[in-house]
PDB file of all heavy atoms in Angstrom:
ATOM      1  N   GLU A   1      -8.880   1.202   5.088  1.00  0.00           N
ATOM      2  CA  GLU A   1      -9.863   1.719   4.099  1.00  0.00           C
ATOM      3  C   GLU A   1     -10.673   0.619   3.452  1.00  0.00           C
ATOM      4  O   GLU A   1     -11.638   0.845   2.872  1.00  0.00           O
ATOM      5  CB  GLU A   1      -9.186   2.542   3.073  1.00  0.00           C
ATOM      6  CG  GLU A   1      -8.485   3.689   3.475  1.00  0.00           C
ATOM      7  CD  GLU A   1      -9.393   4.831   4.013  1.00  0.00           C
ATOM      8  OE1 GLU A   1     -10.539   4.789   3.607  1.00  0.00           O
ATOM      9  OE2 GLU A   1      -8.958   5.653   4.857  1.00  0.00           O
ATOM     10  N   ARG A   2     -10.147  -0.709   3.599  1.00  0.00           N
ATOM     11  CA  ARG A   2     -10.822  -1.789   2.940  1.00  0.00           C
ATOM     12  C   ARG A   2     -11.012  -1.642   1.442  1.00  0.00           C
ATOM     13  O   ARG A   2     -12.007  -2.169   0.881  1.00  0.00           O
ATOM     14  CB  ARG A   2     -12.270  -2.077   3.629  1.00  0.00           C
ATOM     15  CG  ARG A   2     -12.194  -2.433   5.128  1.00  0.00           C
ATOM     16  CD  ARG A   2     -13.531  -2.380   5.773  1.00  0.00           C
ATOM     17  NE  ARG A   2     -14.519  -3.184   5.032  1.00  0.00           N
ATOM     18  CZ  ARG A   2     -14.975  -4.345   5.332  1.00  0.00           C
ATOM     19  NH1 ARG A   2     -14.393  -4.955   6.385  1.00  0.00           N
ATOM     20  NH2 ARG A   2     -15.873  -4.995   4.635  1.00  0.00           N
ATOM     21  N   GLN A   3     -10.002  -1.033   0.905  1.00  0.00           N
ATOM     22  CA  GLN A   3     -10.020  -0.881  -0.457  1.00  0.00           C
ATOM     23  C   GLN A   3      -8.671  -0.851  -1.139  1.00  0.00           C
ATOM     24  O   GLN A   3      -7.610  -0.637  -0.367  1.00  0.00           O
ATOM     25  CB  GLN A   3     -10.866   0.342  -1.036  1.00  0.00           C
ATOM     26  CG  GLN A   3     -10.163   1.638  -0.492  1.00  0.00           C
ATOM     27  CD  GLN A   3     -10.983   2.850  -0.992  1.00  0.00           C
ATOM     28  OE1 GLN A   3     -12.128   2.683  -1.497  1.00  0.00           O
ATOM     29  NE2 GLN A   3     -10.490   4.078  -0.914  1.00  0.00           N
ATOM     30  N   ALA A   4      -8.468  -1.108  -2.427  1.00  0.00           N
ATOM     31  CA  ALA A   4      -7.168  -1.199  -3.061  1.00  0.00           C
ATOM     32  C   ALA A   4      -6.448   0.172  -2.939  1.00  0.00           C
ATOM     33  O   ALA A   4      -7.103   1.216  -3.178  1.00  0.00           O
ATOM     34  CB  ALA A   4      -7.329  -1.723  -4.458  1.00  0.00           C
ATOM     35  N   THR A   5      -5.117   0.201  -2.904  1.00  0.00           N
ATOM     36  CA  THR A   5      -4.380   1.458  -2.923  1.00  0.00           C
ATOM     37  C   THR A   5      -2.944   1.203  -3.147  1.00  0.00           C
ATOM     38  O   THR A   5      -2.485  -0.030  -3.226  1.00  0.00           O
ATOM     39  CB  THR A   5      -4.457   2.084  -1.410  1.00  0.00           C
ATOM     40  OG1 THR A   5      -3.883   3.305  -1.558  1.00  0.00           O
ATOM     41  CG2 THR A   5      -3.690   1.232  -0.384  1.00  0.00           C
ATOM     42  N   CYS A   6      -2.320   2.248  -3.591  1.00  0.00           N
ATOM     43  CA  CYS A   6      -0.707   2.071  -3.865  1.00  0.00           C
ATOM     44  C   CYS A   6      -0.114   3.264  -3.233  1.00  0.00           C
ATOM     45  O   CYS A   6      -0.634   4.373  -3.190  1.00  0.00           O
ATOM     46  CB  CYS A   6      -0.499   1.910  -5.344  1.00  0.00           C
ATOM     47  SG  CYS A   6      -1.080   3.307  -6.401  1.00  0.00           S
ATOM     48  N   VAL A   7       1.164   3.091  -2.901  1.00  0.00           N
ATOM     49  CA  VAL A   7       1.960   4.123  -2.210  1.00  0.00           C
ATOM     50  C   VAL A   7       3.349   3.996  -2.877  1.00  0.00           C
ATOM     51  O   VAL A   7       3.958   2.996  -2.977  1.00  0.00           O
ATOM     52  CB  VAL A   7       2.228   3.910  -0.755  1.00  0.00           C
ATOM     53  CG1 VAL A   7       3.140   4.927  -0.238  1.00  0.00           C
ATOM     54  CG2 VAL A   7       0.855   3.970  -0.015  1.00  0.00           C
ATOM     55  N   LEU A   8       3.713   5.131  -3.586  1.00  0.00           N
ATOM     56  CA  LEU A   8       4.940   5.190  -4.417  1.00  0.00           C
ATOM     57  C   LEU A   8       6.131   5.939  -3.793  1.00  0.00           C
ATOM     58  O   LEU A   8       5.914   7.087  -3.254  1.00  0.00           O
ATOM     59  CB  LEU A   8       4.593   5.904  -5.756  1.00  0.00           C
ATOM     60  CG  LEU A   8       3.295   5.375  -6.504  1.00  0.00           C
ATOM     61  CD1 LEU A   8       3.056   6.176  -7.797  1.00  0.00           C
ATOM     62  CD2 LEU A   8       3.438   3.866  -6.754  1.00  0.00           C
ATOM     63  N   GLY A   9       7.256   5.325  -3.849  1.00  0.00           N
ATOM     64  CA  GLY A   9       8.475   5.960  -3.422  1.00  0.00           C
ATOM     65  C   GLY A   9       8.406   6.855  -2.110  1.00  0.00           C
ATOM     66  O   GLY A   9       8.076   6.282  -1.039  1.00  0.00           O
ATOM     67  N   CYS A  10       8.598   8.145  -2.219  1.00  0.00           N
ATOM     68  CA  CYS A  10       8.682   9.064  -1.107  1.00  0.00           C
ATOM     69  C   CYS A  10       7.316   9.314  -0.415  1.00  0.00           C
ATOM     70  O   CYS A  10       7.186  10.032   0.502  1.00  0.00           O
ATOM     71  CB  CYS A  10       9.309  10.358  -1.508  1.00  0.00           C
ATOM     72  SG  CYS A  10       8.501  11.287  -2.767  1.00  0.00           S
ATOM     73  N   GLU A  11       6.258   8.794  -1.046  1.00  0.00           N
ATOM     74  CA  GLU A  11       4.971   8.842  -0.409  1.00  0.00           C
ATOM     75  C   GLU A  11       4.903   8.069   0.898  1.00  0.00           C
ATOM     76  O   GLU A  11       4.064   8.280   1.795  1.00  0.00           O
ATOM     77  CB  GLU A  11       3.754   8.310  -1.259  1.00  0.00           C
ATOM     78  CG  GLU A  11       3.546   9.288  -2.462  1.00  0.00           C
ATOM     79  CD  GLU A  11       2.497   8.689  -3.291  1.00  0.00           C
ATOM     80  OE1 GLU A  11       2.027   7.461  -3.117  1.00  0.00           O
ATOM     81  OE2 GLU A  11       2.098   9.379  -4.272  1.00  0.00           O
ATOM     82  N   HIS A  12       5.905   7.177   1.014  1.00  0.00           N
ATOM     83  CA  HIS A  12       6.008   6.369   2.287  1.00  0.00           C
ATOM     84  C   HIS A  12       6.445   7.361   3.380  1.00  0.00           C
ATOM     85  O   HIS A  12       7.317   8.258   3.154  1.00  0.00           O
ATOM     86  CB  HIS A  12       7.064   5.263   2.152  1.00  0.00           C
ATOM     87  CG  HIS A  12       6.579   4.149   1.338  1.00  0.00           C
ATOM     88  ND1 HIS A  12       6.910   4.104   0.000  1.00  0.00           N
ATOM     89  CD2 HIS A  12       5.893   2.986   1.570  1.00  0.00           C
ATOM     90  CE1 HIS A  12       6.392   3.068  -0.581  1.00  0.00           C
ATOM     91  NE2 HIS A  12       5.736   2.323   0.402  1.00  0.00           N
ATOM     92  N   TYR A  13       5.922   7.181   4.553  1.00  0.00           N
ATOM     93  CA  TYR A  13       6.359   8.109   5.651  1.00  0.00           C
ATOM     94  C   TYR A  13       7.663   7.764   6.126  1.00  0.00           C
ATOM     95  O   TYR A  13       8.418   8.746   6.436  1.00  0.00           O
ATOM     96  CB  TYR A  13       5.443   7.807   6.826  1.00  0.00           C
ATOM     97  CG  TYR A  13       5.773   8.514   8.142  1.00  0.00           C
ATOM     98  CD1 TYR A  13       5.350   9.852   8.359  1.00  0.00           C
ATOM     99  CD2 TYR A  13       6.489   7.873   9.205  1.00  0.00           C
ATOM    100  CE1 TYR A  13       5.736  10.587   9.482  1.00  0.00           C
ATOM    101  CE2 TYR A  13       6.987   8.572  10.337  1.00  0.00           C
ATOM    102  CZ  TYR A  13       6.440   9.901  10.467  1.00  0.00           C
ATOM    103  OH  TYR A  13       6.859  10.507  11.628  1.00  0.00           O
ATOM    104  N   ASN A  14       8.139   6.514   6.049  1.00  0.00           N
ATOM    105  CA  ASN A  14       9.515   6.082   6.393  1.00  0.00           C
ATOM    106  C   ASN A  14      10.438   6.202   5.171  1.00  0.00           C
ATOM    107  O   ASN A  14      10.171   5.525   4.170  1.00  0.00           O
ATOM    108  CB  ASN A  14       9.443   4.682   6.941  1.00  0.00           C
ATOM    109  CG  ASN A  14      10.720   4.215   7.632  1.00  0.00           C
ATOM    110  OD1 ASN A  14      11.837   4.829   7.295  1.00  0.00           O
ATOM    111  ND2 ASN A  14      10.645   3.266   8.519  1.00  0.00           N
ATOM    112  N   SER A  15      11.561   6.974   5.297  1.00  0.00           N
ATOM    113  CA  SER A  15      12.435   7.247   4.185  1.00  0.00           C
ATOM    114  C   SER A  15      13.073   5.878   3.673  1.00  0.00           C
ATOM    115  O   SER A  15      13.567   5.817   2.567  1.00  0.00           O
ATOM    116  CB  SER A  15      13.472   8.295   4.507  1.00  0.00           C
ATOM    117  OG  SER A  15      14.173   7.787   5.693  1.00  0.00           O
ATOM    118  N   TYR A  16      13.112   4.915   4.553  1.00  0.00           N
ATOM    119  CA  TYR A  16      13.626   3.641   4.304  1.00  0.00           C
ATOM    120  C   TYR A  16      13.070   3.113   3.129  1.00  0.00           C
ATOM    121  O   TYR A  16      13.711   2.314   2.227  1.00  0.00           O
ATOM    122  CB  TYR A  16      13.599   2.661   5.463  1.00  0.00           C
ATOM    123  CG  TYR A  16      14.052   1.258   5.192  1.00  0.00           C
ATOM    124  CD1 TYR A  16      15.422   1.035   5.226  1.00  0.00           C
ATOM    125  CD2 TYR A  16      13.262   0.299   4.978  1.00  0.00           C
ATOM    126  CE1 TYR A  16      15.956  -0.295   4.965  1.00  0.00           C
ATOM    127  CE2 TYR A  16      13.699  -1.050   4.634  1.00  0.00           C
ATOM    128  CZ  TYR A  16      15.087  -1.341   4.689  1.00  0.00           C
ATOM    129  OH  TYR A  16      15.611  -2.554   4.437  1.00  0.00           O
ATOM    130  N   PHE A  17      11.689   3.366   2.824  1.00  0.00           N
ATOM    131  CA  PHE A  17      10.976   2.676   1.745  1.00  0.00           C
ATOM    132  C   PHE A  17      10.873   3.676   0.493  1.00  0.00           C
ATOM    133  O   PHE A  17      10.192   3.384  -0.423  1.00  0.00           O
ATOM    134  CB  PHE A  17       9.592   2.336   2.234  1.00  0.00           C
ATOM    135  CG  PHE A  17       9.479   1.485   3.291  1.00  0.00           C
ATOM    136  CD1 PHE A  17       8.839   1.849   4.507  1.00  0.00           C
ATOM    137  CD2 PHE A  17      10.009   0.168   3.199  1.00  0.00           C
ATOM    138  CE1 PHE A  17       8.843   0.898   5.547  1.00  0.00           C
ATOM    139  CE2 PHE A  17       9.904  -0.722   4.270  1.00  0.00           C
ATOM    140  CZ  PHE A  17       9.351  -0.293   5.451  1.00  0.00           C
ATOM    141  N   ASP A  18      11.751   4.749   0.499  1.00  0.00           N
ATOM    142  CA  ASP A  18      11.674   5.669  -0.683  1.00  0.00           C
ATOM    143  C   ASP A  18      11.929   5.016  -1.949  1.00  0.00           C
ATOM    144  O   ASP A  18      11.459   5.435  -3.037  1.00  0.00           O
ATOM    145  CB  ASP A  18      12.611   6.816  -0.434  1.00  0.00           C
ATOM    146  CG  ASP A  18      11.953   7.843   0.594  1.00  0.00           C
ATOM    147  OD1 ASP A  18      10.847   7.624   0.994  1.00  0.00           O
ATOM    148  OD2 ASP A  18      12.720   8.832   0.922  1.00  0.00           O
ATOM    149  N   GLY A  19      12.819   4.019  -2.033  1.00  0.00           N
ATOM    150  CA  GLY A  19      13.154   3.406  -3.260  1.00  0.00           C
ATOM    151  C   GLY A  19      12.097   2.310  -3.736  1.00  0.00           C
ATOM    152  O   GLY A  19      12.395   1.611  -4.799  1.00  0.00           O
ATOM    153  N   TRP A  20      10.933   2.230  -3.084  1.00  0.00           N
ATOM    154  CA  TRP A  20      10.144   1.101  -3.366  1.00  0.00           C
ATOM    155  C   TRP A  20       8.654   1.658  -3.689  1.00  0.00           C
ATOM    156  O   TRP A  20       8.299   2.700  -3.190  1.00  0.00           O
ATOM    157  CB  TRP A  20       9.932   0.069  -2.223  1.00  0.00           C
ATOM    158  CG  TRP A  20      11.230  -0.588  -1.940  1.00  0.00           C
ATOM    159  CD1 TRP A  20      12.070  -0.217  -0.993  1.00  0.00           C
ATOM    160  CD2 TRP A  20      11.810  -1.688  -2.610  1.00  0.00           C
ATOM    161  NE1 TRP A  20      13.313  -0.979  -0.972  1.00  0.00           N
ATOM    162  CE2 TRP A  20      13.006  -1.944  -1.925  1.00  0.00           C
ATOM    163  CE3 TRP A  20      11.361  -2.512  -3.692  1.00  0.00           C
ATOM    164  CZ2 TRP A  20      13.864  -3.048  -2.456  1.00  0.00           C
ATOM    165  CZ3 TRP A  20      12.176  -3.503  -4.048  1.00  0.00           C
ATOM    166  CH2 TRP A  20      13.408  -3.846  -3.453  1.00  0.00           C
ATOM    167  N   SER A  21       7.913   0.965  -4.506  1.00  0.00           N
ATOM    168  CA  SER A  21       6.543   1.245  -4.722  1.00  0.00           C
ATOM    169  C   SER A  21       5.756   0.001  -4.340  1.00  0.00           C
ATOM    170  O   SER A  21       6.159  -1.145  -4.529  1.00  0.00           O
ATOM    171  CB  SER A  21       6.287   1.568  -6.179  1.00  0.00           C
ATOM    172  OG  SER A  21       6.900   2.841  -6.567  1.00  0.00           O
ATOM    173  N   CYS A  22       4.523   0.295  -3.738  1.00  0.00           N
ATOM    174  CA  CYS A  22       3.738  -0.897  -3.229  1.00  0.00           C
ATOM    175  C   CYS A  22       2.261  -0.732  -3.582  1.00  0.00           C
ATOM    176  O   CYS A  22       1.723   0.351  -3.454  1.00  0.00           O
ATOM    177  CB  CYS A  22       3.916  -0.909  -1.753  1.00  0.00           C
ATOM    178  SG  CYS A  22       3.118  -2.387  -0.900  1.00  0.00           S
ATOM    179  N   SER A  23       1.574  -1.904  -4.011  1.00  0.00           N
ATOM    180  CA  SER A  23       0.205  -1.883  -4.401  1.00  0.00           C
ATOM    181  C   SER A  23      -0.406  -2.978  -3.457  1.00  0.00           C
ATOM    182  O   SER A  23       0.202  -4.051  -3.220  1.00  0.00           O
ATOM    183  CB  SER A  23       0.017  -2.290  -5.775  1.00  0.00           C
ATOM    184  OG  SER A  23       0.629  -1.435  -6.636  1.00  0.00           O
ATOM    185  N   ALA A  24      -1.600  -2.690  -2.934  1.00  0.00           N
ATOM    186  CA  ALA A  24      -2.231  -3.608  -1.975  1.00  0.00           C
ATOM    187  C   ALA A  24      -3.768  -3.609  -2.259  1.00  0.00           C
ATOM    188  O   ALA A  24      -4.359  -2.612  -2.606  1.00  0.00           O
ATOM    189  CB  ALA A  24      -1.985  -3.262  -0.597  1.00  0.00           C
ATOM    190  N   ALA A  25      -4.362  -4.778  -2.064  1.00  0.00           N
ATOM    191  CA  ALA A  25      -5.870  -4.955  -2.230  1.00  0.00           C
ATOM    192  C   ALA A  25      -6.348  -5.830  -1.188  1.00  0.00           C
ATOM    193  O   ALA A  25      -5.657  -6.781  -0.741  1.00  0.00           O
ATOM    194  CB  ALA A  25      -6.045  -5.623  -3.617  1.00  0.00           C
ATOM    195  N   PRO A  26      -7.535  -5.583  -0.736  1.00  0.00           N
ATOM    196  CA  PRO A  26      -8.110  -6.366   0.400  1.00  0.00           C
ATOM    197  C   PRO A  26      -8.632  -7.768  -0.063  1.00  0.00           C
ATOM    198  O   PRO A  26      -9.163  -7.910  -1.229  1.00  0.00           O
ATOM    199  CB  PRO A  26      -9.284  -5.387   0.882  1.00  0.00           C
ATOM    200  CG  PRO A  26      -9.806  -4.796  -0.291  1.00  0.00           C
ATOM    201  CD  PRO A  26      -8.452  -4.450  -1.174  1.00  0.00           C
ATOM    202  N   ILE A  27      -8.818  -8.586   0.850  1.00  0.00           N
ATOM    203  CA  ILE A  27      -9.326  -9.911   0.737  1.00  0.00           C
ATOM    204  C   ILE A  27     -10.455 -10.157   1.731  1.00  0.00           C
ATOM    205  O   ILE A  27     -10.197  -9.834   2.952  1.00  0.00           O
ATOM    206  CB  ILE A  27      -8.255 -11.096   0.859  1.00  0.00           C
ATOM    207  CG1 ILE A  27      -7.188 -10.942  -0.143  1.00  0.00           C
ATOM    208  CG2 ILE A  27      -8.922 -12.436   0.763  1.00  0.00           C
ATOM    209  CD1 ILE A  27      -5.994 -11.864   0.048  1.00  0.00           C
ATOM    210  N   PHE A  28     -11.610 -10.635   1.309  1.00  0.00           N
ATOM    211  CA  PHE A  28     -12.813 -10.727   2.188  1.00  0.00           C
ATOM    212  C   PHE A  28     -13.325 -12.172   2.184  1.00  0.00           C
ATOM    213  O   PHE A  28     -13.072 -12.970   1.225  1.00  0.00           O
ATOM    214  CB  PHE A  28     -13.949  -9.815   1.644  1.00  0.00           C
ATOM    215  CG  PHE A  28     -13.628  -8.354   1.577  1.00  0.00           C
ATOM    216  CD1 PHE A  28     -13.192  -7.795   0.330  1.00  0.00           C
ATOM    217  CD2 PHE A  28     -13.682  -7.559   2.701  1.00  0.00           C
ATOM    218  CE1 PHE A  28     -12.897  -6.467   0.277  1.00  0.00           C
ATOM    219  CE2 PHE A  28     -13.296  -6.228   2.614  1.00  0.00           C
ATOM    220  CZ  PHE A  28     -12.977  -5.640   1.473  1.00  0.00           C
ATOM    221  N   ASP A  29     -13.970 -12.526   3.234  1.00  0.00           N
ATOM    222  CA  ASP A  29     -14.488 -13.900   3.295  1.00  0.00           C
ATOM    223  C   ASP A  29     -15.983 -13.837   2.816  1.00  0.00           C
ATOM    224  O   ASP A  29     -16.424 -12.881   2.290  1.00  0.00           O
ATOM    225  CB  ASP A  29     -14.389 -14.466   4.747  1.00  0.00           C
ATOM    226  CG  ASP A  29     -15.297 -13.672   5.738  1.00  0.00           C
ATOM    227  OD1 ASP A  29     -16.096 -12.792   5.307  1.00  0.00           O
ATOM    228  OD2 ASP A  29     -15.141 -13.800   7.002  1.00  0.00           O
ATOM    229  N   HIS A  30     -16.707 -14.999   2.936  1.00  0.00           N
ATOM    230  CA  HIS A  30     -18.094 -15.062   2.470  1.00  0.00           C
ATOM    231  C   HIS A  30     -19.005 -14.231   3.156  1.00  0.00           C
ATOM    232  O   HIS A  30     -20.126 -13.939   2.675  1.00  0.00           O
ATOM    233  CB  HIS A  30     -18.550 -16.454   2.518  1.00  0.00           C
ATOM    234  CG  HIS A  30     -18.609 -17.084   3.954  1.00  0.00           C
ATOM    235  ND1 HIS A  30     -17.652 -17.394   4.740  1.00  0.00           N
ATOM    236  CD2 HIS A  30     -19.771 -17.308   4.795  1.00  0.00           C
ATOM    237  CE1 HIS A  30     -18.035 -17.871   5.981  1.00  0.00           C
ATOM    238  NE2 HIS A  30     -19.360 -17.707   5.919  1.00  0.00           N
ATOM    239  N   ARG A  31     -18.683 -13.681   4.347  1.00  0.00           N
ATOM    240  CA  ARG A  31     -19.514 -12.791   5.046  1.00  0.00           C
ATOM    241  C   ARG A  31     -19.233 -11.278   4.734  1.00  0.00           C
ATOM    242  O   ARG A  31     -19.677 -10.375   5.409  1.00  0.00           O
ATOM    243  CB  ARG A  31     -19.525 -13.010   6.538  1.00  0.00           C
ATOM    244  CG  ARG A  31     -20.075 -14.377   6.995  1.00  0.00           C
ATOM    245  CD  ARG A  31     -20.309 -14.404   8.513  1.00  0.00           C
ATOM    246  NE  ARG A  31     -20.712 -15.775   8.914  1.00  0.00           N
ATOM    247  CZ  ARG A  31     -19.887 -16.760   9.295  1.00  0.00           C
ATOM    248  NH1 ARG A  31     -18.611 -16.509   9.293  1.00  0.00           N
ATOM    249  NH2 ARG A  31     -20.344 -17.890   9.654  1.00  0.00           N
TER     250      ARG A  31
END
């Protein structure tokens, strides 16, 4: 999506990550 997002607990498809929450944001170069 090239934009910031977060996925919380059971929103993860893999149940292994249900106990975690994750936030991510994109990094772009000068172009």
